[in-house]
């Protein structure tokens, strides 16, 4: 039997993802000279902060809830791998990655990867939180997908400018 991830643990992971995402987008907004890209990064950072607040509220209500299901060792290992493979392990790493990008196109590519990571973890999170929290997580997944579409649109805009 694997070590069990509680809803609380996964929500804490989600809080970290959103916090680090906001730092990344804020850093990118500060670094770009393109007003369209700056506006998009600022918007994405604000959305990450909204998600952070939602997860913090969920955390207050989750208590010590444990899913009635037990996890297999394989699933537990899978979840650990997902968490350990996150692009932004903390806010310092997120800021450093944003500062090291050589172009807006590279930054967008990194952001796309981070959004994919978020969607993957939140999709798994739905199986491990209370039913009442699943709808909230699903809405956040949809917003993260929307962020991906926005980033792809930005990538297209950039390619036309070059």
C-alpha atoms as a PDB file:
ATOM      1  CA  UNK A   1       0.000   0.000   0.000  1.00  0.00           C
ATOM      2  CA  UNK A   2       1.366   3.426  -0.953  1.00  0.00           C
ATOM      3  CA  UNK A   3       1.619   6.528   1.172  1.00  0.00           C
ATOM      4  CA  UNK A   4      -1.646   8.388   0.928  1.00  0.00           C
ATOM      5  CA  UNK A   5      -1.997  11.912  -0.426  1.00  0.00           C
ATOM      6  CA  UNK A   6      -4.717  13.783   1.408  1.00  0.00           C
ATOM      7  CA  UNK A   7      -6.848  16.488  -0.124  1.00  0.00           C
ATOM      8  CA  UNK A   8      -5.052  18.935   2.187  1.00  0.00           C
ATOM      9  CA  UNK A   9      -1.637  17.923   0.819  1.00  0.00           C
ATOM     10  CA  UNK A  10      -2.727  18.318  -2.780  1.00  0.00           C
ATOM     11  CA  UNK A  11      -4.361  21.672  -2.076  1.00  0.00           C
ATOM     12  CA  UNK A  12      -1.099  22.838  -0.504  1.00  0.00           C
ATOM     13  CA  UNK A  13       0.706  21.726  -3.655  1.00  0.00           C
ATOM     14  CA  UNK A  14      -1.848  23.654  -5.751  1.00  0.00           C
ATOM     15  CA  UNK A  15      -1.280  26.747  -3.595  1.00  0.00           C
ATOM     16  CA  UNK A  16       2.441  26.490  -4.312  1.00  0.00           C
ATOM     17  CA  UNK A  17       1.819  26.074  -8.046  1.00  0.00           C
ATOM     18  CA  UNK A  18      -0.367  29.169  -8.197  1.00  0.00           C
ATOM     19  CA  UNK A  19       1.950  31.264  -6.023  1.00  0.00           C
ATOM     20  CA  UNK A  20       4.967  30.343  -8.133  1.00  0.00           C
ATOM     21  CA  UNK A  21       3.030  30.915 -11.350  1.00  0.00           C
ATOM     22  CA  UNK A  22       2.113  34.444 -10.229  1.00  0.00           C
ATOM     23  CA  UNK A  23       5.765  35.175  -9.426  1.00  0.00           C
ATOM     24  CA  UNK A  24       6.811  33.844 -12.841  1.00  0.00           C
ATOM     25  CA  UNK A  25       4.250  35.935 -14.748  1.00  0.00           C
ATOM     26  CA  UNK A  26       4.974  39.057 -12.659  1.00  0.00           C
ATOM     27  CA  UNK A  27       8.687  38.657 -13.401  1.00  0.00           C
ATOM     28  CA  UNK A  28       7.987  38.235 -17.105  1.00  0.00           C
ATOM     29  CA  UNK A  29       5.738  41.309 -17.118  1.00  0.00           C
ATOM     30  CA  UNK A  30       8.533  43.355 -15.551  1.00  0.00           C
ATOM     31  CA  UNK A  31      11.060  42.120 -18.095  1.00  0.00           C
ATOM     32  CA  UNK A  32       9.198  42.571 -21.378  1.00  0.00           C
ATOM     33  CA  UNK A  33       9.154  45.772 -23.370  1.00  0.00           C
ATOM     34  CA  UNK A  34       6.207  44.657 -25.515  1.00  0.00           C
ATOM     35  CA  UNK A  35       3.025  46.302 -24.107  1.00  0.00           C
ATOM     36  CA  UNK A  36       0.729  43.545 -25.450  1.00  0.00           C
ATOM     37  CA  UNK A  37       2.845  40.820 -23.891  1.00  0.00           C
ATOM     38  CA  UNK A  38       3.168  42.820 -20.649  1.00  0.00           C
ATOM     39  CA  UNK A  39      -0.610  43.139 -20.401  1.00  0.00           C
ATOM     40  CA  UNK A  40      -1.062  39.403 -21.022  1.00  0.00           C
ATOM     41  CA  UNK A  41       1.499  38.432 -18.369  1.00  0.00           C
ATOM     42  CA  UNK A  42      -0.109  40.800 -15.861  1.00  0.00           C
ATOM     43  CA  UNK A  43      -3.519  39.294 -16.568  1.00  0.00           C
ATOM     44  CA  UNK A  44      -2.157  35.748 -16.144  1.00  0.00           C
ATOM     45  CA  UNK A  45      -0.433  36.681 -12.869  1.00  0.00           C
ATOM     46  CA  UNK A  46      -3.717  38.114 -11.574  1.00  0.00           C
ATOM     47  CA  UNK A  47      -5.559  34.921 -12.520  1.00  0.00           C
ATOM     48  CA  UNK A  48      -2.951  32.830 -10.704  1.00  0.00           C
ATOM     49  CA  UNK A  49      -3.537  34.973  -7.595  1.00  0.00           C
ATOM     50  CA  UNK A  50      -7.297  34.380  -7.935  1.00  0.00           C
ATOM     51  CA  UNK A  51      -6.680  30.628  -8.076  1.00  0.00           C
ATOM     52  CA  UNK A  52      -4.371  30.903  -5.076  1.00  0.00           C
ATOM     53  CA  UNK A  53      -7.159  32.529  -3.084  1.00  0.00           C
ATOM     54  CA  UNK A  54      -9.640  29.834  -4.156  1.00  0.00           C
ATOM     55  CA  UNK A  55      -7.274  27.070  -3.052  1.00  0.00           C
ATOM     56  CA  UNK A  56      -6.570  28.847   0.240  1.00  0.00           C
ATOM     57  CA  UNK A  57     -10.328  28.977   0.886  1.00  0.00           C
ATOM     58  CA  UNK A  58     -10.602  25.288   0.014  1.00  0.00           C
ATOM     59  CA  UNK A  59      -7.795  24.544   2.450  1.00  0.00           C
ATOM     60  CA  UNK A  60      -9.695  26.234   5.277  1.00  0.00           C
ATOM     61  CA  UNK A  61     -12.674  23.976   4.608  1.00  0.00           C
ATOM     62  CA  UNK A  62     -10.961  20.688   3.843  1.00  0.00           C
ATOM     63  CA  UNK A  63     -10.044  19.820   7.430  1.00  0.00           C
ATOM     64  CA  UNK A  64      -8.312  16.486   7.649  1.00  0.00           C
ATOM     65  CA  UNK A  65     -10.427  14.933   4.941  1.00  0.00           C
ATOM     66  CA  UNK A  66      -9.011  11.709   3.552  1.00  0.00           C
ATOM     67  CA  UNK A  67     -10.429  10.113   0.440  1.00  0.00           C
ATOM     68  CA  UNK A  68     -12.103   6.809   1.283  1.00  0.00           C
ATOM     69  CA  UNK A  69     -10.138   5.173  -1.505  1.00  0.00           C
ATOM     70  CA  UNK A  70      -6.727   3.732  -0.901  1.00  0.00           C
ATOM     71  CA  UNK A  71      -4.025   4.335  -3.432  1.00  0.00           C
ATOM     72  CA  UNK A  72      -1.918   1.725  -5.069  1.00  0.00           C
ATOM     73  CA  UNK A  73       1.825   2.049  -4.823  1.00  0.00           C
ATOM     74  CA  UNK A  74       1.934   2.758  -8.561  1.00  0.00           C
ATOM     75  CA  UNK A  75      -0.554   5.624  -8.286  1.00  0.00           C
ATOM     76  CA  UNK A  76       1.242   7.028  -5.275  1.00  0.00           C
ATOM     77  CA  UNK A  77       4.539   6.911  -7.202  1.00  0.00           C
ATOM     78  CA  UNK A  78       2.833   8.585 -10.159  1.00  0.00           C
ATOM     79  CA  UNK A  79       1.571  11.451  -7.965  1.00  0.00           C
ATOM     80  CA  UNK A  80       4.999  11.889  -6.399  1.00  0.00           C
ATOM     81  CA  UNK A  81       6.560  11.991  -9.866  1.00  0.00           C
ATOM     82  CA  UNK A  82       4.063  14.647 -10.966  1.00  0.00           C
ATOM     83  CA  UNK A  83       4.806  16.789  -7.950  1.00  0.00           C
ATOM     84  CA  UNK A  84       8.574  16.335  -8.249  1.00  0.00           C
ATOM     85  CA  UNK A  85       8.550  17.233 -11.940  1.00  0.00           C
ATOM     86  CA  UNK A  86       6.910  20.615 -11.453  1.00  0.00           C
ATOM     87  CA  UNK A  87       8.634  23.311 -13.440  1.00  0.00           C
ATOM     88  CA  UNK A  88       8.592  25.875 -10.634  1.00  0.00           C
ATOM     89  CA  UNK A  89       9.584  24.235  -7.373  1.00  0.00           C
ATOM     90  CA  UNK A  90       9.444  27.533  -5.483  1.00  0.00           C
ATOM     91  CA  UNK A  91       9.077  31.270  -6.061  1.00  0.00           C
ATOM     92  CA  UNK A  92      12.836  31.794  -6.278  1.00  0.00           C
ATOM     93  CA  UNK A  93      13.129  29.235  -9.094  1.00  0.00           C
ATOM     94  CA  UNK A  94      10.139  30.805 -10.875  1.00  0.00           C
ATOM     95  CA  UNK A  95      11.707  34.273 -10.680  1.00  0.00           C
ATOM     96  CA  UNK A  96      15.112  32.989 -11.831  1.00  0.00           C
ATOM     97  CA  UNK A  97      13.581  31.147 -14.779  1.00  0.00           C
ATOM     98  CA  UNK A  98      11.744  34.303 -15.838  1.00  0.00           C
ATOM     99  CA  UNK A  99      14.935  36.340 -15.601  1.00  0.00           C
ATOM    100  CA  UNK A 100      16.943  33.822 -17.619  1.00  0.00           C
ATOM    101  CA  UNK A 101      14.656  33.661 -20.649  1.00  0.00           C
ATOM    102  CA  UNK A 102      16.220  35.107 -23.756  1.00  0.00           C
ATOM    103  CA  UNK A 103      12.988  36.061 -25.520  1.00  0.00           C
ATOM    104  CA  UNK A 104       9.251  36.412 -25.092  1.00  0.00           C
ATOM    105  CA  UNK A 105       8.835  33.327 -27.292  1.00  0.00           C
ATOM    106  CA  UNK A 106      10.961  31.266 -24.902  1.00  0.00           C
ATOM    107  CA  UNK A 107       9.039  32.629 -21.909  1.00  0.00           C
ATOM    108  CA  UNK A 108       5.748  31.662 -23.512  1.00  0.00           C
ATOM    109  CA  UNK A 109       7.034  28.153 -24.183  1.00  0.00           C
ATOM    110  CA  UNK A 110       8.027  27.776 -20.523  1.00  0.00           C
ATOM    111  CA  UNK A 111       4.658  29.154 -19.422  1.00  0.00           C
ATOM    112  CA  UNK A 112       2.865  26.627 -21.640  1.00  0.00           C
ATOM    113  CA  UNK A 113       4.760  23.826 -19.908  1.00  0.00           C
ATOM    114  CA  UNK A 114       3.850  25.193 -16.484  1.00  0.00           C
ATOM    115  CA  UNK A 115       0.167  25.438 -17.426  1.00  0.00           C
ATOM    116  CA  UNK A 116       0.242  21.839 -18.692  1.00  0.00           C
ATOM    117  CA  UNK A 117       1.796  20.743 -15.400  1.00  0.00           C
ATOM    118  CA  UNK A 118      -0.956  22.524 -13.495  1.00  0.00           C
ATOM    119  CA  UNK A 119      -3.715  20.925 -15.550  1.00  0.00           C
ATOM    120  CA  UNK A 120      -2.237  17.477 -15.064  1.00  0.00           C
ATOM    121  CA  UNK A 121      -1.916  17.825 -11.301  1.00  0.00           C
ATOM    122  CA  UNK A 122      -5.356  19.407 -10.902  1.00  0.00           C
ATOM    123  CA  UNK A 123      -6.900  16.633 -12.994  1.00  0.00           C
ATOM    124  CA  UNK A 124      -5.461  14.082 -10.586  1.00  0.00           C
ATOM    125  CA  UNK A 125      -6.494  16.228  -7.656  1.00  0.00           C
ATOM    126  CA  UNK A 126     -10.134  15.764  -8.641  1.00  0.00           C
ATOM    127  CA  UNK A 127      -9.877  12.101  -7.649  1.00  0.00           C
ATOM    128  CA  UNK A 128      -8.570  12.933  -4.186  1.00  0.00           C
ATOM    129  CA  UNK A 129     -10.672  15.815  -2.906  1.00  0.00           C
ATOM    130  CA  UNK A 130     -14.216  15.896  -1.601  1.00  0.00           C
ATOM    131  CA  UNK A 131     -16.963  15.800  -4.222  1.00  0.00           C
ATOM    132  CA  UNK A 132     -17.972  19.316  -3.211  1.00  0.00           C
ATOM    133  CA  UNK A 133     -14.480  20.571  -4.162  1.00  0.00           C
ATOM    134  CA  UNK A 134     -14.352  18.754  -7.514  1.00  0.00           C
ATOM    135  CA  UNK A 135     -16.430  21.431  -9.256  1.00  0.00           C
ATOM    136  CA  UNK A 136     -14.073  24.146  -8.019  1.00  0.00           C
ATOM    137  CA  UNK A 137     -11.033  22.218  -9.205  1.00  0.00           C
ATOM    138  CA  UNK A 138     -12.732  21.600 -12.556  1.00  0.00           C
ATOM    139  CA  UNK A 139     -13.379  25.338 -13.006  1.00  0.00           C
ATOM    140  CA  UNK A 140      -9.712  26.038 -12.296  1.00  0.00           C
ATOM    141  CA  UNK A 141      -8.691  23.388 -14.835  1.00  0.00           C
ATOM    142  CA  UNK A 142     -10.870  25.122 -17.422  1.00  0.00           C
ATOM    143  CA  UNK A 143      -9.227  28.454 -16.607  1.00  0.00           C
ATOM    144  CA  UNK A 144      -5.778  26.901 -16.915  1.00  0.00           C
ATOM    145  CA  UNK A 145      -6.789  25.564 -20.329  1.00  0.00           C
ATOM    146  CA  UNK A 146      -7.907  29.074 -21.207  1.00  0.00           C
ATOM    147  CA  UNK A 147      -4.468  30.354 -20.154  1.00  0.00           C
ATOM    148  CA  UNK A 148      -2.894  27.851 -22.525  1.00  0.00           C
ATOM    149  CA  UNK A 149      -5.049  29.155 -25.380  1.00  0.00           C
ATOM    150  CA  UNK A 150      -4.045  32.725 -24.499  1.00  0.00           C
ATOM    151  CA  UNK A 151      -0.392  31.761 -24.492  1.00  0.00           C
ATOM    152  CA  UNK A 152      -0.721  30.060 -27.870  1.00  0.00           C
ATOM    153  CA  UNK A 153      -2.385  33.235 -29.202  1.00  0.00           C
ATOM    154  CA  UNK A 154       0.510  35.301 -27.803  1.00  0.00           C
ATOM    155  CA  UNK A 155       2.966  32.955 -29.447  1.00  0.00           C
ATOM    156  CA  UNK A 156       1.186  33.514 -32.746  1.00  0.00           C
ATOM    157  CA  UNK A 157       1.254  37.294 -32.298  1.00  0.00           C
ATOM    158  CA  UNK A 158       4.975  37.156 -31.601  1.00  0.00           C
ATOM    159  CA  UNK A 159       5.676  35.061 -34.657  1.00  0.00           C
ATOM    160  CA  UNK A 160       3.962  37.678 -36.822  1.00  0.00           C
ATOM    161  CA  UNK A 161       6.053  40.463 -35.283  1.00  0.00           C
ATOM    162  CA  UNK A 162       9.332  38.732 -36.071  1.00  0.00           C
END
